N, C-alpha and C. Protein backbone atom coordinates (compact mmCIF):
# COMPACT_ATOMS: atom_id res chain seq x y z
N MET A 1 79.01 132.22 74.62
CA MET A 1 79.82 133.36 74.96
C MET A 1 80.51 133.18 76.31
N GLU A 2 79.74 132.64 77.28
CA GLU A 2 80.29 132.47 78.60
C GLU A 2 81.45 131.48 78.58
N GLU A 3 81.33 130.44 77.74
CA GLU A 3 82.38 129.43 77.67
C GLU A 3 83.68 130.04 77.13
N THR A 4 83.59 130.89 76.15
CA THR A 4 84.80 131.48 75.58
C THR A 4 85.46 132.42 76.58
N VAL A 5 84.65 133.15 77.35
CA VAL A 5 85.21 134.05 78.35
C VAL A 5 85.95 133.24 79.42
N GLU A 6 85.35 132.13 79.84
CA GLU A 6 85.99 131.28 80.84
C GLU A 6 87.27 130.66 80.28
N ALA A 7 87.24 130.26 79.01
CA ALA A 7 88.42 129.67 78.39
C ALA A 7 89.55 130.69 78.33
N VAL A 8 89.24 131.94 77.99
CA VAL A 8 90.25 133.00 77.92
C VAL A 8 90.84 133.25 79.30
N GLU A 9 89.97 133.28 80.33
CA GLU A 9 90.44 133.51 81.70
C GLU A 9 91.37 132.37 82.15
N GLU A 10 91.00 131.14 81.83
CA GLU A 10 91.84 130.00 82.20
C GLU A 10 93.19 130.07 81.50
N ALA A 11 93.21 130.46 80.25
CA ALA A 11 94.46 130.58 79.50
C ALA A 11 95.35 131.65 80.14
N GLU A 12 94.75 132.78 80.53
CA GLU A 12 95.53 133.84 81.17
C GLU A 12 96.12 133.38 82.50
N GLU A 13 95.32 132.64 83.28
CA GLU A 13 95.80 132.13 84.56
C GLU A 13 96.96 131.15 84.35
N ALA A 14 96.87 130.31 83.34
CA ALA A 14 97.93 129.35 83.04
C ALA A 14 99.22 130.07 82.67
N GLU A 15 99.10 131.14 81.86
CA GLU A 15 100.28 131.92 81.46
C GLU A 15 100.92 132.58 82.67
N GLU A 16 100.10 133.12 83.56
CA GLU A 16 100.64 133.76 84.77
C GLU A 16 101.37 132.74 85.64
N ALA A 17 100.82 131.54 85.74
CA ALA A 17 101.45 130.50 86.55
C ALA A 17 102.80 130.11 85.95
N GLU A 18 102.87 130.00 84.61
CA GLU A 18 104.12 129.66 83.95
C GLU A 18 105.16 130.75 84.16
N GLU A 19 104.74 132.01 84.07
CA GLU A 19 105.66 133.13 84.27
C GLU A 19 106.20 133.11 85.70
N ALA A 20 105.34 132.80 86.66
CA ALA A 20 105.77 132.76 88.06
C ALA A 20 106.80 131.65 88.27
N GLU A 21 106.58 130.49 87.64
CA GLU A 21 107.52 129.38 87.76
C GLU A 21 108.86 129.75 87.14
N GLU A 22 108.85 130.39 85.97
CA GLU A 22 110.09 130.81 85.33
C GLU A 22 110.83 131.81 86.20
N ALA A 23 110.10 132.72 86.82
CA ALA A 23 110.73 133.72 87.69
C ALA A 23 111.41 133.03 88.88
N GLU A 24 110.76 132.02 89.45
CA GLU A 24 111.34 131.29 90.58
C GLU A 24 112.61 130.55 90.15
N GLU A 25 112.58 129.96 88.95
CA GLU A 25 113.76 129.25 88.45
C GLU A 25 114.92 130.22 88.25
N VAL A 26 114.65 131.40 87.72
CA VAL A 26 115.69 132.40 87.50
C VAL A 26 116.29 132.81 88.85
N GLU A 27 115.44 133.01 89.86
CA GLU A 27 115.93 133.39 91.17
C GLU A 27 116.82 132.30 91.77
N GLU A 28 116.42 131.04 91.60
CA GLU A 28 117.22 129.93 92.12
C GLU A 28 118.57 129.87 91.42
N GLU A 29 118.61 130.12 90.11
CA GLU A 29 119.86 130.10 89.37
C GLU A 29 120.77 131.23 89.83
N GLU A 30 120.19 132.42 90.07
CA GLU A 30 121.00 133.55 90.54
C GLU A 30 121.59 133.26 91.90
N GLU A 31 120.82 132.61 92.79
CA GLU A 31 121.33 132.26 94.12
C GLU A 31 122.46 131.23 93.99
N ALA A 32 122.31 130.29 93.08
CA ALA A 32 123.32 129.25 92.90
C ALA A 32 124.61 129.83 92.35
N GLU A 33 124.52 130.85 91.50
CA GLU A 33 125.72 131.46 90.93
C GLU A 33 126.55 132.14 91.99
N GLY A 34 125.94 132.62 93.04
CA GLY A 34 126.64 133.32 94.11
C GLY A 34 127.46 132.37 94.97
N THR A 35 127.15 131.11 94.97
CA THR A 35 127.91 130.15 95.78
C THR A 35 129.13 129.65 95.02
N GLU A 36 130.04 129.00 95.75
CA GLU A 36 131.26 128.53 95.12
C GLU A 36 131.00 127.35 94.19
N GLU A 37 130.18 126.43 94.63
CA GLU A 37 129.90 125.26 93.83
C GLU A 37 128.52 125.40 93.20
N VAL A 38 128.49 125.30 91.91
CA VAL A 38 127.23 125.38 91.20
C VAL A 38 126.87 123.98 90.73
N VAL A 39 125.73 123.51 91.18
CA VAL A 39 125.30 122.17 90.81
C VAL A 39 124.12 122.32 89.86
N GLU A 40 124.30 121.77 88.68
CA GLU A 40 123.22 121.83 87.70
C GLU A 40 122.27 120.68 87.96
N LYS A 41 121.01 121.01 87.97
CA LYS A 41 119.99 119.99 88.19
C LYS A 41 119.64 119.35 86.86
N GLU A 42 119.65 118.02 86.87
CA GLU A 42 119.23 117.31 85.69
C GLU A 42 117.71 117.23 85.71
N GLU A 43 117.12 117.50 84.60
CA GLU A 43 115.68 117.43 84.53
C GLU A 43 115.29 115.98 84.29
N VAL A 44 114.64 115.40 85.27
CA VAL A 44 114.20 114.02 85.20
C VAL A 44 112.68 114.03 85.17
N PRO A 45 112.11 113.33 84.24
CA PRO A 45 110.65 113.28 84.22
C PRO A 45 110.12 112.77 85.56
N GLU A 46 108.92 113.23 85.92
CA GLU A 46 108.33 112.90 87.21
C GLU A 46 108.16 111.40 87.38
N GLU A 47 107.79 110.69 86.32
CA GLU A 47 107.57 109.26 86.42
C GLU A 47 108.84 108.52 86.81
N GLU A 48 109.97 108.90 86.19
CA GLU A 48 111.24 108.25 86.50
C GLU A 48 111.65 108.55 87.93
N ALA A 49 111.44 109.77 88.38
CA ALA A 49 111.79 110.14 89.75
C ALA A 49 110.95 109.33 90.74
N GLU A 50 109.67 109.15 90.45
CA GLU A 50 108.81 108.36 91.33
C GLU A 50 109.26 106.90 91.36
N GLU A 51 109.64 106.36 90.18
CA GLU A 51 110.11 104.98 90.12
C GLU A 51 111.37 104.79 90.96
N GLU A 52 112.30 105.76 90.87
CA GLU A 52 113.53 105.68 91.64
C GLU A 52 113.23 105.70 93.13
N GLU A 53 112.28 106.57 93.54
CA GLU A 53 111.91 106.65 94.95
C GLU A 53 111.30 105.34 95.43
N THR A 54 110.40 104.77 94.62
CA THR A 54 109.76 103.52 95.03
C THR A 54 110.77 102.38 95.08
N LEU A 55 111.72 102.35 94.15
CA LEU A 55 112.76 101.32 94.17
C LEU A 55 113.61 101.44 95.43
N ALA A 56 113.96 102.67 95.79
CA ALA A 56 114.75 102.88 96.99
C ALA A 56 113.97 102.44 98.24
N GLU A 57 112.68 102.74 98.27
CA GLU A 57 111.85 102.34 99.41
C GLU A 57 111.75 100.82 99.51
N VAL A 58 111.59 100.15 98.36
CA VAL A 58 111.49 98.70 98.35
C VAL A 58 112.79 98.07 98.86
N GLU A 59 113.94 98.62 98.43
CA GLU A 59 115.22 98.10 98.88
C GLU A 59 115.39 98.27 100.38
N GLU A 60 114.97 99.42 100.91
CA GLU A 60 115.06 99.67 102.34
C GLU A 60 114.18 98.69 103.11
N GLU A 61 112.97 98.44 102.60
CA GLU A 61 112.06 97.50 103.26
C GLU A 61 112.66 96.10 103.28
N ARG A 62 113.29 95.69 102.17
CA ARG A 62 113.91 94.36 102.12
C ARG A 62 115.03 94.24 103.15
N GLU A 63 115.85 95.30 103.27
CA GLU A 63 116.94 95.28 104.23
C GLU A 63 116.40 95.16 105.65
N VAL A 64 115.32 95.91 105.93
CA VAL A 64 114.71 95.85 107.27
C VAL A 64 114.16 94.46 107.54
N GLU A 65 113.52 93.85 106.54
CA GLU A 65 112.98 92.50 106.70
C GLU A 65 114.10 91.49 106.96
N LYS A 66 115.23 91.64 106.23
CA LYS A 66 116.36 90.73 106.42
C LYS A 66 116.90 90.85 107.84
N GLU A 67 117.01 92.09 108.34
CA GLU A 67 117.50 92.30 109.69
C GLU A 67 116.57 91.67 110.71
N LYS A 68 115.26 91.82 110.51
CA LYS A 68 114.29 91.23 111.43
C LYS A 68 114.40 89.71 111.42
N LYS A 69 114.55 89.12 110.22
CA LYS A 69 114.68 87.68 110.13
C LYS A 69 115.93 87.20 110.85
N LYS A 70 117.05 87.93 110.68
CA LYS A 70 118.28 87.55 111.36
C LYS A 70 118.10 87.61 112.87
N GLU A 71 117.44 88.67 113.36
CA GLU A 71 117.20 88.80 114.78
C GLU A 71 116.34 87.65 115.29
N LEU A 72 115.30 87.30 114.53
CA LEU A 72 114.43 86.20 114.94
C LEU A 72 115.20 84.88 114.96
N GLU A 73 116.04 84.66 113.95
CA GLU A 73 116.80 83.42 113.88
C GLU A 73 117.75 83.29 115.06
N GLU A 74 118.34 84.40 115.48
CA GLU A 74 119.26 84.37 116.61
C GLU A 74 118.54 84.10 117.91
N GLU A 75 117.31 84.59 118.05
CA GLU A 75 116.59 84.49 119.30
C GLU A 75 115.80 83.20 119.45
N ILE A 76 115.61 82.43 118.39
CA ILE A 76 114.75 81.25 118.44
C ILE A 76 115.36 80.18 119.35
N VAL A 77 114.55 79.74 120.31
CA VAL A 77 114.95 78.68 121.21
C VAL A 77 114.32 77.37 120.76
N GLU A 78 113.03 77.45 120.40
CA GLU A 78 112.29 76.26 120.01
C GLU A 78 111.34 76.62 118.88
N GLU A 79 111.20 75.71 117.92
CA GLU A 79 110.32 75.95 116.79
C GLU A 79 109.63 74.63 116.42
N ASN A 80 108.30 74.67 116.32
CA ASN A 80 107.53 73.48 115.97
C ASN A 80 106.46 73.81 114.95
N PHE A 81 106.16 72.84 114.10
CA PHE A 81 105.07 72.97 113.14
C PHE A 81 103.91 72.11 113.61
N TYR A 82 102.71 72.69 113.57
CA TYR A 82 101.52 71.96 114.00
C TYR A 82 100.41 72.12 112.98
N THR A 83 99.61 71.06 112.82
CA THR A 83 98.35 71.15 112.09
C THR A 83 97.27 71.11 113.16
N ILE A 84 96.60 72.24 113.33
CA ILE A 84 95.62 72.36 114.41
C ILE A 84 94.22 72.10 113.87
N PRO A 85 93.52 71.08 114.39
CA PRO A 85 92.15 70.83 113.95
C PRO A 85 91.21 71.85 114.58
N LEU A 86 90.38 72.44 113.76
CA LEU A 86 89.45 73.46 114.25
C LEU A 86 88.00 72.99 114.14
N ARG A 87 87.78 71.69 114.04
CA ARG A 87 86.43 71.19 113.86
C ARG A 87 85.53 71.50 115.05
N ARG A 88 86.11 71.61 116.26
CA ARG A 88 85.29 71.94 117.43
C ARG A 88 84.69 73.34 117.32
N ALA A 89 85.31 74.21 116.55
CA ALA A 89 84.76 75.56 116.37
C ALA A 89 83.43 75.50 115.63
N TRP A 90 83.27 74.47 114.81
CA TRP A 90 82.04 74.35 114.01
C TRP A 90 80.86 73.86 114.86
N ILE A 91 81.12 73.40 116.07
CA ILE A 91 80.03 72.97 116.95
C ILE A 91 79.31 74.18 117.53
N SER A 92 80.03 75.27 117.72
CA SER A 92 79.44 76.47 118.33
C SER A 92 78.53 77.19 117.35
N GLN A 93 77.88 78.22 117.85
CA GLN A 93 76.95 79.00 117.03
C GLN A 93 77.68 79.63 115.84
N ARG A 94 76.91 79.89 114.77
CA ARG A 94 77.51 80.40 113.53
C ARG A 94 78.28 81.70 113.75
N LYS A 95 77.74 82.60 114.52
CA LYS A 95 78.37 83.91 114.71
C LYS A 95 79.50 83.92 115.72
N LYS A 96 79.84 82.74 116.26
CA LYS A 96 80.92 82.66 117.25
C LYS A 96 82.03 81.71 116.82
N ARG A 97 82.01 81.26 115.57
CA ARG A 97 82.96 80.23 115.14
C ARG A 97 84.40 80.73 114.99
N ALA A 98 84.60 81.88 114.35
CA ALA A 98 85.97 82.38 114.16
C ALA A 98 86.62 82.74 115.50
N PRO A 99 85.92 83.43 116.41
CA PRO A 99 86.55 83.68 117.72
C PRO A 99 86.86 82.39 118.47
N LYS A 100 85.99 81.39 118.34
CA LYS A 100 86.22 80.09 118.97
C LYS A 100 87.46 79.43 118.37
N ALA A 101 87.65 79.57 117.05
CA ALA A 101 88.83 79.00 116.39
C ALA A 101 90.11 79.65 116.94
N VAL A 102 90.09 80.94 117.19
CA VAL A 102 91.25 81.62 117.77
C VAL A 102 91.54 81.08 119.16
N ARG A 103 90.50 80.90 119.96
CA ARG A 103 90.68 80.35 121.31
C ARG A 103 91.23 78.92 121.25
N ILE A 104 90.78 78.14 120.29
CA ILE A 104 91.27 76.76 120.13
C ILE A 104 92.76 76.78 119.80
N ILE A 105 93.16 77.67 118.91
CA ILE A 105 94.58 77.77 118.55
C ILE A 105 95.41 78.14 119.78
N LYS A 106 94.95 79.11 120.55
CA LYS A 106 95.68 79.51 121.74
C LYS A 106 95.83 78.35 122.72
N SER A 107 94.74 77.65 122.99
CA SER A 107 94.81 76.55 123.96
C SER A 107 95.69 75.41 123.44
N PHE A 108 95.62 75.13 122.15
CA PHE A 108 96.44 74.08 121.54
C PHE A 108 97.93 74.40 121.70
N VAL A 109 98.29 75.63 121.37
CA VAL A 109 99.70 76.02 121.43
C VAL A 109 100.18 76.06 122.88
N LYS A 110 99.33 76.54 123.81
CA LYS A 110 99.71 76.55 125.22
C LYS A 110 99.99 75.13 125.70
N LYS A 111 99.16 74.20 125.29
CA LYS A 111 99.30 72.82 125.72
C LYS A 111 100.57 72.18 125.14
N HIS A 112 100.80 72.37 123.85
CA HIS A 112 101.90 71.69 123.18
C HIS A 112 103.25 72.37 123.36
N MET A 113 103.26 73.67 123.60
CA MET A 113 104.54 74.37 123.81
C MET A 113 104.83 74.52 125.31
N LYS A 114 103.96 73.97 126.15
CA LYS A 114 104.16 73.93 127.59
C LYS A 114 104.39 75.31 128.20
N ILE A 115 103.43 76.16 128.05
CA ILE A 115 103.50 77.50 128.64
C ILE A 115 103.23 77.38 130.12
N ARG A 116 104.11 77.97 130.93
CA ARG A 116 103.92 77.96 132.37
C ARG A 116 102.85 78.98 132.76
N THR A 117 102.19 78.73 133.88
CA THR A 117 101.17 79.66 134.36
C THR A 117 101.80 80.64 135.34
N GLU A 118 101.06 81.69 135.66
CA GLU A 118 101.59 82.71 136.57
C GLU A 118 101.72 82.19 138.00
N ALA A 119 100.96 81.17 138.38
CA ALA A 119 100.94 80.68 139.75
C ALA A 119 102.22 79.95 140.15
N GLU A 120 103.05 79.56 139.21
CA GLU A 120 104.23 78.77 139.52
C GLU A 120 105.30 79.55 140.27
N GLY A 121 105.35 80.82 140.13
CA GLY A 121 106.40 81.56 140.82
C GLY A 121 106.29 83.04 140.53
N GLU A 122 107.36 83.74 140.89
CA GLU A 122 107.38 85.18 140.71
C GLU A 122 107.78 85.58 139.29
N GLU A 123 108.24 84.63 138.52
CA GLU A 123 108.64 84.94 137.15
C GLU A 123 107.44 85.38 136.33
N GLU A 124 107.72 86.18 135.33
CA GLU A 124 106.65 86.64 134.46
C GLU A 124 106.11 85.47 133.65
N ALA A 125 104.83 85.48 133.43
CA ALA A 125 104.21 84.42 132.64
C ALA A 125 104.65 84.56 131.19
N GLU A 126 104.74 83.44 130.51
CA GLU A 126 105.12 83.48 129.11
C GLU A 126 103.95 84.03 128.30
N ILE A 127 104.27 84.69 127.24
CA ILE A 127 103.26 85.36 126.44
C ILE A 127 103.04 84.60 125.14
N LEU A 128 101.81 84.55 124.70
CA LEU A 128 101.46 83.90 123.45
C LEU A 128 100.97 84.97 122.48
N VAL A 129 101.57 85.04 121.30
CA VAL A 129 101.21 86.03 120.30
C VAL A 129 100.79 85.32 119.02
N ILE A 130 99.60 85.62 118.54
CA ILE A 130 99.14 85.06 117.27
C ILE A 130 99.38 86.12 116.21
N SER A 131 100.10 85.75 115.16
CA SER A 131 100.46 86.73 114.13
C SER A 131 99.22 87.15 113.33
N ASN A 132 99.37 88.25 112.66
CA ASN A 132 98.28 88.81 111.86
C ASN A 132 97.93 87.87 110.71
N GLU A 133 98.91 87.19 110.14
CA GLU A 133 98.66 86.26 109.03
C GLU A 133 97.72 85.14 109.44
N VAL A 134 97.96 84.57 110.62
CA VAL A 134 97.11 83.48 111.11
C VAL A 134 95.70 84.00 111.35
N ASN A 135 95.61 85.16 111.96
CA ASN A 135 94.30 85.75 112.22
C ASN A 135 93.53 86.01 110.92
N GLU A 136 94.22 86.54 109.91
CA GLU A 136 93.57 86.79 108.63
C GLU A 136 93.14 85.50 107.95
N LYS A 137 93.94 84.45 108.10
CA LYS A 137 93.58 83.16 107.52
C LYS A 137 92.30 82.62 108.16
N ILE A 138 92.18 82.75 109.47
CA ILE A 138 90.99 82.28 110.17
C ILE A 138 89.76 83.08 109.75
N TRP A 139 89.93 84.37 109.65
CA TRP A 139 88.80 85.26 109.35
C TRP A 139 88.59 85.46 107.85
N SER A 140 89.36 84.79 106.99
CA SER A 140 89.30 85.03 105.55
C SER A 140 87.92 84.81 104.95
N ARG A 141 87.16 83.86 105.49
CA ARG A 141 85.81 83.60 104.95
C ARG A 141 84.72 84.12 105.89
N GLY A 142 85.12 84.93 106.83
CA GLY A 142 84.14 85.55 107.71
C GLY A 142 84.03 84.84 109.04
N ILE A 143 83.12 85.33 109.85
CA ILE A 143 82.95 84.81 111.21
C ILE A 143 82.28 83.44 111.21
N GLU A 144 81.49 83.16 110.20
CA GLU A 144 80.70 81.92 110.18
C GLU A 144 81.43 80.72 109.63
N LYS A 145 82.49 80.92 108.83
CA LYS A 145 83.13 79.79 108.16
C LYS A 145 84.65 79.80 108.29
N PRO A 146 85.16 79.55 109.50
CA PRO A 146 86.62 79.44 109.62
C PRO A 146 87.08 78.14 108.98
N PRO A 147 88.38 78.00 108.71
CA PRO A 147 88.86 76.75 108.10
C PRO A 147 88.69 75.57 109.07
N ARG A 148 88.63 74.36 108.53
CA ARG A 148 88.47 73.15 109.36
C ARG A 148 89.77 72.79 110.07
N LYS A 149 90.90 73.16 109.49
CA LYS A 149 92.20 72.95 110.12
C LYS A 149 93.15 74.01 109.59
N ILE A 150 94.23 74.23 110.33
CA ILE A 150 95.20 75.25 109.93
C ILE A 150 96.60 74.75 110.30
N ARG A 151 97.55 75.02 109.43
CA ARG A 151 98.95 74.62 109.66
C ARG A 151 99.71 75.85 110.12
N VAL A 152 100.33 75.76 111.29
CA VAL A 152 101.04 76.90 111.88
C VAL A 152 102.44 76.51 112.29
N ARG A 153 103.25 77.54 112.54
CA ARG A 153 104.61 77.38 113.05
C ARG A 153 104.68 78.14 114.37
N ALA A 154 104.98 77.45 115.45
CA ALA A 154 105.08 78.07 116.77
C ALA A 154 106.57 78.25 117.10
N VAL A 155 106.94 79.49 117.43
CA VAL A 155 108.34 79.82 117.68
C VAL A 155 108.45 80.41 119.09
N LYS A 156 109.36 79.84 119.89
CA LYS A 156 109.62 80.36 121.24
C LYS A 156 110.97 81.03 121.23
N ASP A 157 111.04 82.27 121.74
CA ASP A 157 112.31 82.99 121.77
C ASP A 157 112.94 82.93 123.16
N LYS A 158 114.05 83.62 123.34
CA LYS A 158 114.80 83.59 124.59
C LYS A 158 113.97 84.04 125.79
N GLU A 159 113.12 85.02 125.56
CA GLU A 159 112.35 85.61 126.65
C GLU A 159 111.10 84.81 127.00
N GLY A 160 110.85 83.73 126.27
CA GLY A 160 109.68 82.91 126.55
C GLY A 160 108.44 83.32 125.81
N VAL A 161 108.55 84.26 124.90
CA VAL A 161 107.41 84.70 124.11
C VAL A 161 107.20 83.70 122.96
N ILE A 162 106.00 83.19 122.85
CA ILE A 162 105.68 82.23 121.79
C ILE A 162 104.88 82.97 120.73
N THR A 163 105.36 82.91 119.50
CA THR A 163 104.68 83.54 118.37
C THR A 163 104.15 82.46 117.45
N VAL A 164 102.88 82.56 117.12
CA VAL A 164 102.25 81.60 116.22
C VAL A 164 102.19 82.23 114.84
N LEU A 165 102.91 81.63 113.89
CA LEU A 165 103.00 82.14 112.52
C LEU A 165 102.35 81.13 111.59
N LEU A 166 101.92 81.61 110.43
CA LEU A 166 101.37 80.73 109.42
C LEU A 166 102.52 79.93 108.80
N ALA A 167 102.35 78.62 108.67
CA ALA A 167 103.40 77.79 108.08
C ALA A 167 103.62 78.19 106.64
N GLU A 168 104.86 78.12 106.18
CA GLU A 168 105.19 78.53 104.81
C GLU A 168 104.47 77.63 103.82
N GLY A 169 104.01 78.21 102.74
CA GLY A 169 103.30 77.46 101.72
C GLY A 169 101.79 77.49 101.90
N ASP A 170 101.33 78.04 102.99
CA ASP A 170 99.88 78.12 103.23
C ASP A 170 99.38 79.52 102.99
């Protein structure tokens, strides 16, 4: 008995909600008739509308990525590919291997890209940035098992900022 009473109440609530939606639609139509230009809305299923929105978002993201790539290409002063051996990281304790691998990459790139130190003058020191992709590659198997070697692309821009990126294909 209780189930039927609840079912009847739910049906009544659903009908009231539908009536309220119809009333809102009628009010919107009346407001639209008062204006000079009446625009009829095409009823598009929700799935198609969501697909259109996601397609538009994907296109915008691609355009933004293209612009970023163009900016990077214009600013690149020097670009080198390196295979960095990380075997020394495996000498350290198990729980310190991945952080040691990051330090090895930083020191390797500083040495090979000739980063100046702050003591040389009043100029700002050059900055070294390790990209998220490289960091994820090192940490992919956890703190205890970083890769034995990693292939990276080091890019220096006009301002002296060196960015370490994962080499393509890795």
